[in-house]
C-alpha cells in the first residue's frame, strides 16, 4: 500500500496485535502493538508473518519498534526470529527498538538477550 510519496508500507491487525510498516526502499520501520502471542499470530499461513515479509522484502535495515507491545510470548519471539533470519539471509540488519519492560522481561526469561540487536 503506497502513501503517495515513494514510501511504501502497510498495516494490519490479527487478533489483538496490530502492525504498521513504512519503507523507503532501504529501511523499513515496523511498529508492532498490542499482544504478540499465539492467538495473534496463529492463523492461516501466519498472516502477520506473511504480511510483514511482503512489506519488508527488499529493505536492508529493518527496525522493529516494540514500544507499543503489551505482552509477548514464545510465539511472538518466534515471529521476530523468523523476520530477523529473513533479513539476515539477504545480508541485512534487523534491530529491535524501544522494547517495553514486558518485552525485555520475557526476552530475559527466554534467554534471548543475545539473539537480537536492541536499541532504546
N, C-alpha and C. Protein backbone atom coordinates (compact mmCIF):
# COMPACT_ATOMS: atom_id res chain seq x y z
N UNK A 1 0.85 -1.17 0.00
CA UNK A 1 0.00 0.00 0.00
C UNK A 1 0.89 1.23 0.00
N UNK A 2 0.80 2.06 -0.97
CA UNK A 2 1.63 3.25 -1.07
C UNK A 2 1.03 4.43 -0.34
N UNK A 3 1.89 5.41 -0.08
CA UNK A 3 1.42 6.60 0.62
C UNK A 3 1.48 7.82 -0.26
N UNK A 4 1.90 7.67 -1.52
CA UNK A 4 1.90 8.78 -2.45
C UNK A 4 3.21 9.55 -2.52
N UNK A 5 4.23 9.17 -1.76
CA UNK A 5 5.50 9.90 -1.80
C UNK A 5 6.69 8.95 -1.92
N UNK A 6 6.53 7.91 -2.71
CA UNK A 6 7.56 6.90 -2.94
C UNK A 6 7.88 6.07 -1.71
N UNK A 7 7.11 6.21 -0.66
CA UNK A 7 7.27 5.36 0.51
C UNK A 7 6.18 4.30 0.42
N UNK A 8 6.54 3.11 0.76
CA UNK A 8 5.57 2.02 0.75
C UNK A 8 5.42 1.51 2.17
N UNK A 9 4.53 0.60 2.35
CA UNK A 9 4.33 0.02 3.67
C UNK A 9 3.02 -0.68 3.73
N UNK A 10 2.48 -0.75 4.90
CA UNK A 10 1.20 -1.39 5.08
C UNK A 10 0.84 -1.40 6.54
N UNK A 11 -0.33 -1.92 6.78
CA UNK A 11 -0.78 -2.05 8.16
C UNK A 11 -1.80 -3.15 8.21
N UNK A 12 -2.02 -3.67 9.40
CA UNK A 12 -3.00 -4.71 9.55
C UNK A 12 -3.21 -5.07 11.00
N UNK A 13 -4.11 -6.00 11.18
CA UNK A 13 -4.47 -6.46 12.52
C UNK A 13 -4.80 -7.93 12.44
N UNK A 14 -4.38 -8.66 13.44
CA UNK A 14 -4.77 -10.06 13.58
C UNK A 14 -4.89 -10.33 15.06
N UNK A 15 -6.06 -10.74 15.50
CA UNK A 15 -6.28 -10.93 16.93
C UNK A 15 -6.08 -9.61 17.65
N UNK A 16 -5.29 -9.63 18.70
CA UNK A 16 -5.06 -8.41 19.48
C UNK A 16 -3.76 -7.71 19.11
N UNK A 17 -3.15 -8.13 18.00
CA UNK A 17 -1.91 -7.50 17.54
C UNK A 17 -2.18 -6.64 16.31
N UNK A 18 -1.49 -5.52 16.24
CA UNK A 18 -1.56 -4.65 15.07
C UNK A 18 -0.15 -4.36 14.61
N UNK A 19 -0.01 -4.06 13.30
CA UNK A 19 1.29 -3.68 12.78
C UNK A 19 1.15 -2.58 11.74
N UNK A 20 2.19 -1.78 11.68
CA UNK A 20 2.31 -0.73 10.66
C UNK A 20 3.73 -0.82 10.12
N UNK A 21 3.87 -0.66 8.83
CA UNK A 21 5.19 -0.69 8.20
C UNK A 21 5.32 0.51 7.29
N UNK A 22 6.44 1.21 7.42
CA UNK A 22 6.78 2.25 6.45
C UNK A 22 8.18 1.93 5.91
N UNK A 23 8.34 2.08 4.62
CA UNK A 23 9.62 1.76 3.99
C UNK A 23 10.00 2.85 3.01
N UNK A 24 11.30 2.94 2.74
CA UNK A 24 11.77 3.90 1.75
C UNK A 24 12.67 3.24 0.71
N UNK A 25 12.65 1.91 0.64
CA UNK A 25 13.48 1.20 -0.32
C UNK A 25 14.79 0.71 0.26
N UNK A 26 15.20 1.24 1.39
CA UNK A 26 16.41 0.78 2.08
C UNK A 26 16.13 0.40 3.52
N UNK A 27 15.25 1.17 4.17
CA UNK A 27 14.95 0.96 5.57
C UNK A 27 13.46 0.75 5.75
N UNK A 28 13.12 -0.21 6.59
CA UNK A 28 11.72 -0.43 6.96
C UNK A 28 11.60 -0.23 8.46
N UNK A 29 10.57 0.50 8.86
CA UNK A 29 10.24 0.63 10.27
C UNK A 29 8.94 -0.13 10.48
N UNK A 30 9.01 -1.16 11.31
CA UNK A 30 7.86 -2.00 11.62
C UNK A 30 7.45 -1.65 13.05
N UNK A 31 6.23 -1.18 13.22
CA UNK A 31 5.72 -0.88 14.56
C UNK A 31 4.69 -1.94 14.91
N UNK A 32 4.95 -2.66 15.97
CA UNK A 32 4.03 -3.69 16.44
C UNK A 32 3.37 -3.19 17.72
N UNK A 33 2.08 -3.49 17.89
CA UNK A 33 1.38 -3.07 19.09
C UNK A 33 0.40 -4.14 19.54
N UNK A 34 0.02 -4.05 20.80
CA UNK A 34 -0.94 -5.00 21.36
C UNK A 34 -0.24 -6.19 21.97
N UNK A 35 -0.86 -7.36 21.82
CA UNK A 35 -0.35 -8.61 22.37
C UNK A 35 0.19 -9.48 21.25
N UNK A 36 1.47 -9.74 21.29
CA UNK A 36 2.11 -10.57 20.27
C UNK A 36 2.24 -11.98 20.85
N UNK A 37 1.17 -12.75 20.69
CA UNK A 37 1.10 -14.09 21.27
C UNK A 37 0.52 -15.06 20.25
N UNK A 38 0.38 -16.31 20.68
CA UNK A 38 -0.11 -17.35 19.77
C UNK A 38 -1.46 -16.98 19.17
N UNK A 39 -2.35 -16.43 19.96
CA UNK A 39 -3.68 -16.07 19.45
C UNK A 39 -3.59 -15.01 18.36
N UNK A 40 -2.60 -14.13 18.45
CA UNK A 40 -2.47 -13.05 17.47
C UNK A 40 -1.80 -13.52 16.19
N UNK A 41 -0.84 -14.43 16.29
CA UNK A 41 -0.12 -14.79 15.07
C UNK A 41 -0.51 -16.12 14.49
N UNK A 42 -1.24 -16.94 15.23
CA UNK A 42 -1.67 -18.23 14.69
C UNK A 42 -2.89 -18.02 13.82
N UNK A 43 -2.78 -18.39 12.60
CA UNK A 43 -3.89 -18.24 11.67
C UNK A 43 -3.48 -18.82 10.34
N UNK A 44 -4.31 -18.64 9.34
CA UNK A 44 -3.98 -19.18 8.03
C UNK A 44 -2.64 -18.62 7.54
N UNK A 45 -1.71 -19.49 7.33
CA UNK A 45 -0.36 -19.17 6.84
C UNK A 45 0.30 -18.04 7.62
N UNK A 46 0.06 -18.01 8.91
CA UNK A 46 0.68 -16.98 9.76
C UNK A 46 0.54 -15.61 9.12
N UNK A 47 -0.67 -15.09 9.12
CA UNK A 47 -1.00 -13.82 8.47
C UNK A 47 -0.04 -12.69 8.75
N UNK A 48 0.35 -12.50 10.01
CA UNK A 48 1.26 -11.40 10.34
C UNK A 48 2.62 -11.65 9.70
N UNK A 49 3.13 -12.86 9.82
CA UNK A 49 4.45 -13.16 9.25
C UNK A 49 4.46 -12.92 7.75
N UNK A 50 3.46 -13.42 7.04
CA UNK A 50 3.40 -13.23 5.60
C UNK A 50 3.29 -11.77 5.20
N UNK A 51 2.44 -11.04 5.92
CA UNK A 51 2.27 -9.62 5.60
C UNK A 51 3.55 -8.84 5.85
N UNK A 52 4.21 -9.11 6.96
CA UNK A 52 5.45 -8.39 7.26
C UNK A 52 6.57 -8.79 6.30
N UNK A 53 6.64 -10.06 5.96
CA UNK A 53 7.66 -10.49 4.99
C UNK A 53 7.47 -9.76 3.66
N UNK A 54 6.24 -9.63 3.22
CA UNK A 54 5.97 -8.92 1.97
C UNK A 54 6.36 -7.45 2.08
N UNK A 55 6.04 -6.84 3.21
CA UNK A 55 6.27 -5.40 3.39
C UNK A 55 7.75 -5.04 3.49
N UNK A 56 8.57 -5.97 3.99
CA UNK A 56 10.00 -5.67 4.20
C UNK A 56 10.89 -6.47 3.27
N UNK A 57 10.35 -6.95 2.18
CA UNK A 57 11.05 -7.90 1.32
C UNK A 57 12.37 -7.41 0.75
N UNK A 58 12.56 -6.11 0.59
CA UNK A 58 13.77 -5.61 -0.08
C UNK A 58 14.67 -4.77 0.82
N UNK A 59 14.19 -4.38 1.97
CA UNK A 59 14.97 -3.47 2.81
C UNK A 59 16.16 -4.17 3.46
N UNK A 60 17.27 -3.44 3.55
CA UNK A 60 18.49 -3.98 4.16
C UNK A 60 18.58 -3.64 5.64
N UNK A 61 17.83 -2.65 6.08
CA UNK A 61 17.75 -2.33 7.51
C UNK A 61 16.29 -2.38 7.91
N UNK A 62 15.99 -3.23 8.89
CA UNK A 62 14.63 -3.34 9.40
C UNK A 62 14.67 -3.03 10.89
N UNK A 63 13.96 -1.98 11.27
CA UNK A 63 13.85 -1.56 12.66
C UNK A 63 12.46 -1.93 13.14
N UNK A 64 12.41 -2.76 14.15
CA UNK A 64 11.13 -3.23 14.67
C UNK A 64 10.86 -2.53 16.00
N UNK A 65 9.93 -1.58 15.99
CA UNK A 65 9.59 -0.78 17.15
C UNK A 65 8.61 -1.57 18.03
N UNK A 66 9.04 -1.89 19.24
CA UNK A 66 8.23 -2.69 20.15
C UNK A 66 7.68 -1.87 21.32
N UNK A 67 7.69 -0.56 21.20
CA UNK A 67 7.29 0.31 22.31
C UNK A 67 5.80 0.23 22.64
N UNK A 68 5.00 -0.35 21.74
CA UNK A 68 3.56 -0.43 21.97
C UNK A 68 3.09 -1.86 22.28
N UNK A 69 4.05 -2.77 22.54
CA UNK A 69 3.70 -4.16 22.86
C UNK A 69 3.32 -4.26 24.33
N UNK A 70 2.13 -4.81 24.60
CA UNK A 70 1.70 -5.02 25.99
C UNK A 70 2.17 -6.36 26.51
N UNK A 71 2.19 -7.38 25.63
CA UNK A 71 2.54 -8.75 26.04
C UNK A 71 3.17 -9.45 24.85
N UNK A 72 4.14 -10.31 25.14
CA UNK A 72 4.76 -11.14 24.10
C UNK A 72 5.06 -12.50 24.72
N UNK A 73 4.84 -13.56 23.95
CA UNK A 73 5.19 -14.90 24.42
C UNK A 73 6.12 -15.55 23.41
N UNK A 74 6.35 -16.84 23.55
CA UNK A 74 7.30 -17.53 22.67
C UNK A 74 6.88 -17.46 21.20
N UNK A 75 5.59 -17.42 20.92
CA UNK A 75 5.12 -17.30 19.54
C UNK A 75 5.50 -15.95 18.95
N UNK A 76 5.41 -14.92 19.77
CA UNK A 76 5.83 -13.59 19.32
C UNK A 76 7.31 -13.54 19.03
N UNK A 77 8.10 -14.17 19.90
CA UNK A 77 9.54 -14.21 19.64
C UNK A 77 9.88 -15.06 18.44
N UNK A 78 9.13 -16.13 18.21
CA UNK A 78 9.34 -16.93 17.00
C UNK A 78 9.14 -16.08 15.75
N UNK A 79 8.11 -15.24 15.77
CA UNK A 79 7.86 -14.33 14.66
C UNK A 79 9.05 -13.40 14.45
N UNK A 80 9.55 -12.80 15.52
CA UNK A 80 10.68 -11.88 15.42
C UNK A 80 11.94 -12.59 14.92
N UNK A 81 12.18 -13.80 15.39
CA UNK A 81 13.35 -14.56 14.96
C UNK A 81 13.26 -14.90 13.47
N UNK A 82 12.07 -15.28 13.01
CA UNK A 82 11.90 -15.57 11.57
C UNK A 82 12.13 -14.34 10.71
N UNK A 83 11.60 -13.20 11.15
CA UNK A 83 11.83 -11.96 10.40
C UNK A 83 13.32 -11.61 10.39
N UNK A 84 13.97 -11.75 11.53
CA UNK A 84 15.40 -11.46 11.63
C UNK A 84 16.19 -12.34 10.66
N UNK A 85 15.89 -13.61 10.63
CA UNK A 85 16.59 -14.53 9.73
C UNK A 85 16.35 -14.16 8.26
N UNK A 86 15.13 -13.79 7.93
CA UNK A 86 14.83 -13.35 6.56
C UNK A 86 15.72 -12.18 6.16
N UNK A 87 15.82 -11.20 7.05
CA UNK A 87 16.62 -10.00 6.76
C UNK A 87 18.10 -10.36 6.68
N UNK A 88 18.57 -11.15 7.62
CA UNK A 88 19.99 -11.53 7.62
C UNK A 88 20.35 -12.39 6.41
N UNK A 89 19.42 -13.19 5.93
CA UNK A 89 19.68 -14.03 4.75
C UNK A 89 19.93 -13.21 3.49
N UNK A 90 19.50 -11.96 3.49
CA UNK A 90 19.81 -11.07 2.36
C UNK A 90 20.87 -10.04 2.76
N UNK A 91 21.66 -10.41 3.77
CA UNK A 91 22.77 -9.58 4.27
C UNK A 91 22.30 -8.25 4.83
N UNK A 92 21.12 -8.25 5.41
CA UNK A 92 20.59 -7.04 6.03
C UNK A 92 20.77 -7.06 7.53
N UNK A 93 20.22 -6.04 8.16
CA UNK A 93 20.34 -5.85 9.61
C UNK A 93 18.95 -5.70 10.20
N UNK A 94 18.69 -6.40 11.30
CA UNK A 94 17.40 -6.40 11.98
C UNK A 94 17.62 -5.90 13.41
N UNK A 95 16.90 -4.84 13.78
CA UNK A 95 17.09 -4.20 15.08
C UNK A 95 15.75 -4.11 15.81
N UNK A 96 15.75 -4.48 17.09
CA UNK A 96 14.59 -4.24 17.93
C UNK A 96 14.76 -2.89 18.60
N UNK A 97 13.76 -2.04 18.49
CA UNK A 97 13.85 -0.69 19.05
C UNK A 97 12.81 -0.49 20.15
N UNK A 98 13.21 0.20 21.16
CA UNK A 98 12.35 0.66 22.25
C UNK A 98 11.48 -0.45 22.86
N UNK A 99 12.09 -1.60 23.21
CA UNK A 99 11.27 -2.66 23.80
C UNK A 99 10.73 -2.24 25.16
N UNK A 100 9.49 -2.62 25.43
CA UNK A 100 8.86 -2.33 26.72
C UNK A 100 9.51 -3.20 27.80
N UNK A 101 9.21 -2.88 29.04
CA UNK A 101 9.75 -3.70 30.15
C UNK A 101 9.24 -5.13 30.05
N UNK A 102 8.01 -5.32 29.58
CA UNK A 102 7.47 -6.67 29.40
C UNK A 102 8.26 -7.43 28.33
N UNK A 103 8.57 -6.78 27.24
CA UNK A 103 9.35 -7.42 26.17
C UNK A 103 10.73 -7.80 26.70
N UNK A 104 11.37 -6.89 27.42
CA UNK A 104 12.70 -7.17 27.99
C UNK A 104 12.65 -8.30 29.01
N UNK A 105 11.61 -8.30 29.85
CA UNK A 105 11.45 -9.35 30.86
C UNK A 105 11.33 -10.72 30.20
N UNK A 106 10.47 -10.82 29.20
CA UNK A 106 10.29 -12.10 28.52
C UNK A 106 11.54 -12.50 27.74
N UNK A 107 12.22 -11.53 27.16
CA UNK A 107 13.46 -11.84 26.45
C UNK A 107 14.47 -12.46 27.41
N UNK A 108 14.55 -11.90 28.61
CA UNK A 108 15.46 -12.42 29.63
C UNK A 108 15.04 -13.83 30.06
N UNK A 109 13.76 -14.01 30.36
CA UNK A 109 13.27 -15.32 30.81
C UNK A 109 13.49 -16.40 29.76
N UNK A 110 13.44 -16.02 28.49
CA UNK A 110 13.60 -17.00 27.41
C UNK A 110 15.06 -17.15 26.99
N UNK A 111 15.95 -16.40 27.60
CA UNK A 111 17.37 -16.49 27.26
C UNK A 111 17.70 -15.95 25.88
N UNK A 112 16.99 -14.91 25.46
CA UNK A 112 17.15 -14.39 24.10
C UNK A 112 17.88 -13.05 24.03
N UNK A 113 18.50 -12.61 25.14
CA UNK A 113 19.15 -11.30 25.12
C UNK A 113 20.18 -11.17 24.01
N UNK A 114 20.95 -12.20 23.76
CA UNK A 114 21.98 -12.15 22.74
C UNK A 114 21.50 -12.41 21.33
N UNK A 115 20.26 -12.76 21.17
CA UNK A 115 19.70 -13.11 19.86
C UNK A 115 19.46 -11.89 18.98
N UNK A 116 19.18 -10.75 19.60
CA UNK A 116 18.79 -9.55 18.86
C UNK A 116 19.69 -8.37 19.15
N UNK A 117 19.84 -7.52 18.15
CA UNK A 117 20.41 -6.20 18.38
C UNK A 117 19.27 -5.34 18.91
N UNK A 118 19.49 -4.66 20.05
CA UNK A 118 18.43 -3.89 20.70
C UNK A 118 18.92 -2.47 20.91
N UNK A 119 18.04 -1.51 20.63
CA UNK A 119 18.34 -0.12 20.88
C UNK A 119 17.15 0.55 21.55
N UNK A 120 17.47 1.54 22.38
CA UNK A 120 16.41 2.30 23.03
C UNK A 120 16.12 3.53 22.22
